[in-house]
Amino acid sequence: MITCFIRYEIEPTQKADFETYARNWGQAIPRCGADLIGYFAPHEGSSTLAYGVYSVPSLAAYEDYRAKLAADPLGRENYDFAMQRKFIRREDRTFLRLASAPHGKP
């Protein structure tokens, strides 16, 4: 399993737009085959950093997921929404694998 971490730099005055974008991905991403961990909007501290996190079994599965997401009506609508509203200044994504498992009991 690999996990994709997306780091967004957003317009601080458009946090509500990012939250709408995040909720839309909350529907489209799982439907297209990724295990969505969540989207996270600024709360305290930085007003411009936001994150999206989801897992897929492999990079091949990621490519399949991306194709499904691009063809998904809500996925296309959400991409267009972000392009029109321009609330995302920058988007970086990295793929990591869990290295700390198994976790101990508290």
N, C-alpha and C. Protein backbone atom coordinates (compact mmCIF):
# COMPACT_ATOMS: atom_id res chain seq x y z
N MET A 1 0.85 -1.18 0.00
CA MET A 1 0.00 0.00 0.00
C MET A 1 0.89 1.24 0.00
N ILE A 2 0.54 2.20 -0.82
CA ILE A 2 1.23 3.49 -0.82
C ILE A 2 0.21 4.58 -0.52
N THR A 3 0.68 5.62 0.12
CA THR A 3 -0.20 6.73 0.49
C THR A 3 0.27 7.99 -0.21
N CYS A 4 -0.66 8.66 -0.83
CA CYS A 4 -0.39 9.92 -1.52
C CYS A 4 -0.72 11.07 -0.57
N PHE A 5 0.27 11.91 -0.34
CA PHE A 5 0.09 13.12 0.46
C PHE A 5 0.13 14.30 -0.51
N ILE A 6 -0.95 15.05 -0.56
CA ILE A 6 -1.01 16.25 -1.40
C ILE A 6 -0.94 17.46 -0.49
N ARG A 7 0.05 18.28 -0.73
CA ARG A 7 0.22 19.52 0.04
C ARG A 7 -0.24 20.67 -0.84
N TYR A 8 -1.23 21.39 -0.37
CA TYR A 8 -1.79 22.52 -1.11
C TYR A 8 -1.36 23.82 -0.45
N GLU A 9 -1.07 24.79 -1.27
CA GLU A 9 -0.98 26.17 -0.81
C GLU A 9 -2.22 26.84 -1.38
N ILE A 10 -3.08 27.34 -0.49
CA ILE A 10 -4.35 27.91 -0.92
C ILE A 10 -4.41 29.40 -0.60
N GLU A 11 -5.33 30.06 -1.27
CA GLU A 11 -5.61 31.46 -0.97
C GLU A 11 -6.32 31.51 0.38
N PRO A 12 -5.79 32.24 1.36
CA PRO A 12 -6.40 32.22 2.69
C PRO A 12 -7.81 32.80 2.73
N THR A 13 -8.15 33.67 1.81
CA THR A 13 -9.49 34.25 1.80
C THR A 13 -10.50 33.35 1.10
N GLN A 14 -10.02 32.21 0.57
CA GLN A 14 -10.91 31.30 -0.16
C GLN A 14 -10.94 29.91 0.49
N LYS A 15 -10.78 29.86 1.79
CA LYS A 15 -10.79 28.59 2.50
C LYS A 15 -12.12 27.86 2.29
N ALA A 16 -13.22 28.58 2.23
CA ALA A 16 -14.53 27.95 2.01
C ALA A 16 -14.57 27.23 0.66
N ASP A 17 -13.95 27.81 -0.35
CA ASP A 17 -13.88 27.14 -1.66
C ASP A 17 -13.08 25.85 -1.56
N PHE A 18 -11.98 25.88 -0.83
CA PHE A 18 -11.19 24.66 -0.65
C PHE A 18 -12.01 23.60 0.08
N GLU A 19 -12.78 24.00 1.06
CA GLU A 19 -13.59 23.04 1.82
C GLU A 19 -14.68 22.42 0.93
N THR A 20 -15.25 23.18 0.03
CA THR A 20 -16.21 22.63 -0.94
C THR A 20 -15.50 21.62 -1.83
N TYR A 21 -14.33 21.99 -2.32
CA TYR A 21 -13.49 21.11 -3.15
C TYR A 21 -13.20 19.81 -2.40
N ALA A 22 -12.83 19.91 -1.15
CA ALA A 22 -12.51 18.74 -0.32
C ALA A 22 -13.72 17.83 -0.16
N ARG A 23 -14.89 18.41 0.11
CA ARG A 23 -16.10 17.60 0.28
C ARG A 23 -16.45 16.86 -1.01
N ASN A 24 -16.25 17.53 -2.14
CA ASN A 24 -16.51 16.86 -3.43
C ASN A 24 -15.57 15.68 -3.62
N TRP A 25 -14.30 15.85 -3.27
CA TRP A 25 -13.37 14.71 -3.38
C TRP A 25 -13.75 13.62 -2.40
N GLY A 26 -14.36 13.99 -1.30
CA GLY A 26 -14.82 12.99 -0.33
C GLY A 26 -15.84 12.02 -0.92
N GLN A 27 -16.53 12.44 -1.96
CA GLN A 27 -17.47 11.56 -2.68
C GLN A 27 -16.79 10.87 -3.86
N ALA A 28 -16.05 11.61 -4.66
CA ALA A 28 -15.50 11.08 -5.91
C ALA A 28 -14.32 10.14 -5.71
N ILE A 29 -13.41 10.45 -4.81
CA ILE A 29 -12.20 9.64 -4.65
C ILE A 29 -12.52 8.20 -4.26
N PRO A 30 -13.32 7.94 -3.22
CA PRO A 30 -13.62 6.55 -2.89
C PRO A 30 -14.35 5.81 -4.02
N ARG A 31 -15.24 6.52 -4.70
CA ARG A 31 -15.98 5.91 -5.81
C ARG A 31 -15.05 5.47 -6.94
N CYS A 32 -13.93 6.16 -7.08
CA CYS A 32 -12.99 5.86 -8.18
C CYS A 32 -11.89 4.89 -7.78
N GLY A 33 -11.89 4.42 -6.54
CA GLY A 33 -11.00 3.33 -6.18
C GLY A 33 -9.88 3.59 -5.21
N ALA A 34 -9.77 4.79 -4.67
CA ALA A 34 -8.72 5.05 -3.66
C ALA A 34 -9.36 5.05 -2.27
N ASP A 35 -8.54 4.74 -1.29
CA ASP A 35 -8.97 4.75 0.11
C ASP A 35 -8.68 6.14 0.67
N LEU A 36 -9.69 6.99 0.71
CA LEU A 36 -9.51 8.37 1.16
C LEU A 36 -9.35 8.42 2.67
N ILE A 37 -8.24 8.97 3.11
CA ILE A 37 -8.02 9.20 4.54
C ILE A 37 -8.65 10.53 4.92
N GLY A 38 -8.49 11.54 4.07
CA GLY A 38 -9.17 12.79 4.31
C GLY A 38 -8.51 13.99 3.65
N TYR A 39 -9.25 15.08 3.64
CA TYR A 39 -8.76 16.39 3.22
C TYR A 39 -8.79 17.27 4.46
N PHE A 40 -7.76 18.07 4.61
CA PHE A 40 -7.58 18.86 5.82
C PHE A 40 -7.37 20.32 5.44
N ALA A 41 -8.23 21.19 5.98
CA ALA A 41 -8.18 22.63 5.72
C ALA A 41 -7.50 23.34 6.88
N PRO A 42 -6.95 24.53 6.65
CA PRO A 42 -6.32 25.29 7.73
C PRO A 42 -7.29 25.52 8.89
N HIS A 43 -6.75 25.43 10.08
CA HIS A 43 -7.56 25.70 11.27
C HIS A 43 -6.83 26.66 12.21
N GLU A 44 -5.63 26.30 12.61
CA GLU A 44 -4.81 27.12 13.51
C GLU A 44 -3.41 27.14 12.91
N GLY A 45 -2.71 28.23 13.08
CA GLY A 45 -1.37 28.34 12.50
C GLY A 45 -1.46 28.89 11.09
N SER A 46 -0.84 28.21 10.15
CA SER A 46 -0.83 28.67 8.77
C SER A 46 -2.25 28.75 8.21
N SER A 47 -2.52 29.81 7.49
CA SER A 47 -3.83 29.96 6.85
C SER A 47 -3.78 29.56 5.38
N THR A 48 -2.62 29.10 4.92
CA THR A 48 -2.47 28.78 3.50
C THR A 48 -2.17 27.32 3.22
N LEU A 49 -1.89 26.51 4.24
CA LEU A 49 -1.55 25.10 4.02
C LEU A 49 -2.75 24.20 4.24
N ALA A 50 -2.96 23.29 3.28
CA ALA A 50 -4.03 22.30 3.36
C ALA A 50 -3.47 20.99 2.81
N TYR A 51 -4.14 19.89 3.14
CA TYR A 51 -3.64 18.58 2.74
C TYR A 51 -4.77 17.67 2.29
N GLY A 52 -4.44 16.77 1.38
CA GLY A 52 -5.30 15.66 0.99
C GLY A 52 -4.47 14.40 1.12
N VAL A 53 -5.08 13.32 1.66
CA VAL A 53 -4.34 12.08 1.91
C VAL A 53 -5.21 10.89 1.52
N TYR A 54 -4.68 10.02 0.66
CA TYR A 54 -5.40 8.79 0.30
C TYR A 54 -4.39 7.71 -0.02
N SER A 55 -4.85 6.46 0.04
CA SER A 55 -3.99 5.32 -0.22
C SER A 55 -4.50 4.51 -1.41
N VAL A 56 -3.55 3.89 -2.10
CA VAL A 56 -3.83 2.96 -3.20
C VAL A 56 -2.86 1.79 -3.05
N PRO A 57 -3.23 0.62 -3.61
CA PRO A 57 -2.35 -0.54 -3.44
C PRO A 57 -0.99 -0.43 -4.13
N SER A 58 -0.91 0.31 -5.25
CA SER A 58 0.33 0.38 -6.03
C SER A 58 0.29 1.58 -6.96
N LEU A 59 1.42 1.86 -7.61
CA LEU A 59 1.43 2.94 -8.60
C LEU A 59 0.57 2.58 -9.81
N ALA A 60 0.51 1.31 -10.16
CA ALA A 60 -0.37 0.89 -11.26
C ALA A 60 -1.83 1.15 -10.89
N ALA A 61 -2.21 0.85 -9.65
CA ALA A 61 -3.57 1.12 -9.19
C ALA A 61 -3.83 2.63 -9.17
N TYR A 62 -2.82 3.41 -8.85
CA TYR A 62 -2.94 4.87 -8.87
C TYR A 62 -3.27 5.36 -10.28
N GLU A 63 -2.60 4.81 -11.28
CA GLU A 63 -2.86 5.23 -12.68
C GLU A 63 -4.30 4.89 -13.07
N ASP A 64 -4.78 3.73 -12.67
CA ASP A 64 -6.17 3.33 -12.95
C ASP A 64 -7.15 4.26 -12.24
N TYR A 65 -6.86 4.55 -10.98
CA TYR A 65 -7.69 5.46 -10.19
C TYR A 65 -7.75 6.84 -10.84
N ARG A 66 -6.61 7.37 -11.28
CA ARG A 66 -6.57 8.70 -11.90
C ARG A 66 -7.41 8.74 -13.17
N ALA A 67 -7.36 7.67 -13.96
CA ALA A 67 -8.17 7.61 -15.18
C ALA A 67 -9.66 7.62 -14.83
N LYS A 68 -10.04 6.85 -13.82
CA LYS A 68 -11.45 6.83 -13.38
C LYS A 68 -11.88 8.19 -12.86
N LEU A 69 -11.00 8.84 -12.10
CA LEU A 69 -11.32 10.14 -11.53
C LEU A 69 -11.50 11.19 -12.63
N ALA A 70 -10.67 11.13 -13.66
CA ALA A 70 -10.76 12.08 -14.78
C ALA A 70 -12.06 11.89 -15.56
N ALA A 71 -12.59 10.67 -15.57
CA ALA A 71 -13.84 10.38 -16.29
C ALA A 71 -15.08 10.56 -15.42
N ASP A 72 -14.90 10.69 -14.13
CA ASP A 72 -16.01 10.82 -13.20
C ASP A 72 -16.65 12.21 -13.33
N PRO A 73 -17.98 12.32 -13.46
CA PRO A 73 -18.61 13.64 -13.61
C PRO A 73 -18.28 14.61 -12.47
N LEU A 74 -18.34 14.16 -11.22
CA LEU A 74 -18.01 15.05 -10.11
C LEU A 74 -16.52 15.37 -10.10
N GLY A 75 -15.70 14.41 -10.48
CA GLY A 75 -14.26 14.67 -10.57
C GLY A 75 -13.95 15.77 -11.58
N ARG A 76 -14.54 15.66 -12.76
CA ARG A 76 -14.32 16.71 -13.79
C ARG A 76 -14.85 18.05 -13.31
N GLU A 77 -16.04 18.03 -12.69
CA GLU A 77 -16.64 19.26 -12.18
C GLU A 77 -15.74 19.91 -11.12
N ASN A 78 -15.15 19.08 -10.27
CA ASN A 78 -14.31 19.62 -9.20
C ASN A 78 -13.01 20.21 -9.76
N TYR A 79 -12.41 19.54 -10.75
CA TYR A 79 -11.23 20.10 -11.40
C TYR A 79 -11.57 21.47 -11.99
N ASP A 80 -12.71 21.54 -12.70
CA ASP A 80 -13.13 22.80 -13.31
C ASP A 80 -13.39 23.88 -12.27
N PHE A 81 -14.02 23.50 -11.15
CA PHE A 81 -14.29 24.43 -10.06
C PHE A 81 -12.98 25.05 -9.55
N ALA A 82 -11.97 24.22 -9.34
CA ALA A 82 -10.68 24.73 -8.85
C ALA A 82 -10.02 25.65 -9.87
N MET A 83 -10.12 25.30 -11.14
CA MET A 83 -9.51 26.15 -12.18
C MET A 83 -10.23 27.50 -12.28
N GLN A 84 -11.54 27.49 -12.17
CA GLN A 84 -12.31 28.72 -12.29
C GLN A 84 -12.12 29.64 -11.08
N ARG A 85 -12.16 29.07 -9.89
CA ARG A 85 -12.09 29.88 -8.67
C ARG A 85 -10.66 30.24 -8.26
N LYS A 86 -9.68 29.49 -8.73
CA LYS A 86 -8.26 29.78 -8.50
C LYS A 86 -7.89 29.91 -7.02
N PHE A 87 -8.43 29.03 -6.19
CA PHE A 87 -8.10 29.07 -4.76
C PHE A 87 -6.86 28.24 -4.43
N ILE A 88 -6.39 27.44 -5.38
CA ILE A 88 -5.17 26.66 -5.16
C ILE A 88 -4.01 27.40 -5.82
N ARG A 89 -3.05 27.81 -5.01
CA ARG A 89 -1.86 28.49 -5.52
C ARG A 89 -0.82 27.47 -6.00
N ARG A 90 -0.71 26.37 -5.25
CA ARG A 90 0.31 25.37 -5.54
C ARG A 90 -0.15 24.02 -5.00
N GLU A 91 0.25 22.96 -5.69
CA GLU A 91 -0.12 21.60 -5.29
C GLU A 91 1.09 20.70 -5.50
N ASP A 92 1.52 20.05 -4.43
CA ASP A 92 2.64 19.10 -4.51
C ASP A 92 2.15 17.76 -4.00
N ARG A 93 2.56 16.69 -4.69
CA ARG A 93 2.16 15.37 -4.21
C ARG A 93 3.37 14.47 -4.11
N THR A 94 3.33 13.65 -3.06
CA THR A 94 4.39 12.67 -2.85
C THR A 94 3.74 11.36 -2.40
N PHE A 95 4.40 10.26 -2.73
CA PHE A 95 3.90 8.93 -2.38
C PHE A 95 4.84 8.31 -1.35
N LEU A 96 4.26 7.87 -0.24
CA LEU A 96 5.03 7.29 0.85
C LEU A 96 4.43 5.93 1.21
N ARG A 97 5.26 5.10 1.82
CA ARG A 97 4.75 3.83 2.35
C ARG A 97 4.95 3.83 3.85
N LEU A 98 4.06 3.16 4.55
CA LEU A 98 4.10 3.10 6.01
C LEU A 98 5.34 2.32 6.44
N ALA A 99 6.17 2.93 7.27
CA ALA A 99 7.39 2.29 7.72
C ALA A 99 7.35 1.92 9.20
N SER A 100 6.36 2.36 9.95
CA SER A 100 6.35 2.15 11.39
C SER A 100 5.51 0.95 11.84
N ALA A 101 4.86 0.27 10.93
CA ALA A 101 4.00 -0.87 11.31
C ALA A 101 4.85 -2.09 11.64
N PRO A 102 4.43 -2.96 12.53
CA PRO A 102 3.18 -2.85 13.27
C PRO A 102 3.31 -1.91 14.45
N HIS A 103 2.23 -1.24 14.75
CA HIS A 103 2.20 -0.30 15.87
C HIS A 103 1.90 -1.04 17.17
N GLY A 104 2.52 -0.57 18.23
CA GLY A 104 2.28 -1.15 19.54
C GLY A 104 0.98 -0.65 20.14
N LYS A 105 0.49 -1.36 21.14
CA LYS A 105 -0.73 -0.95 21.83
C LYS A 105 -0.39 0.14 22.86
N PRO A 106 -1.30 1.11 23.02
CA PRO A 106 -1.03 2.19 23.99
C PRO A 106 -1.03 1.70 25.42
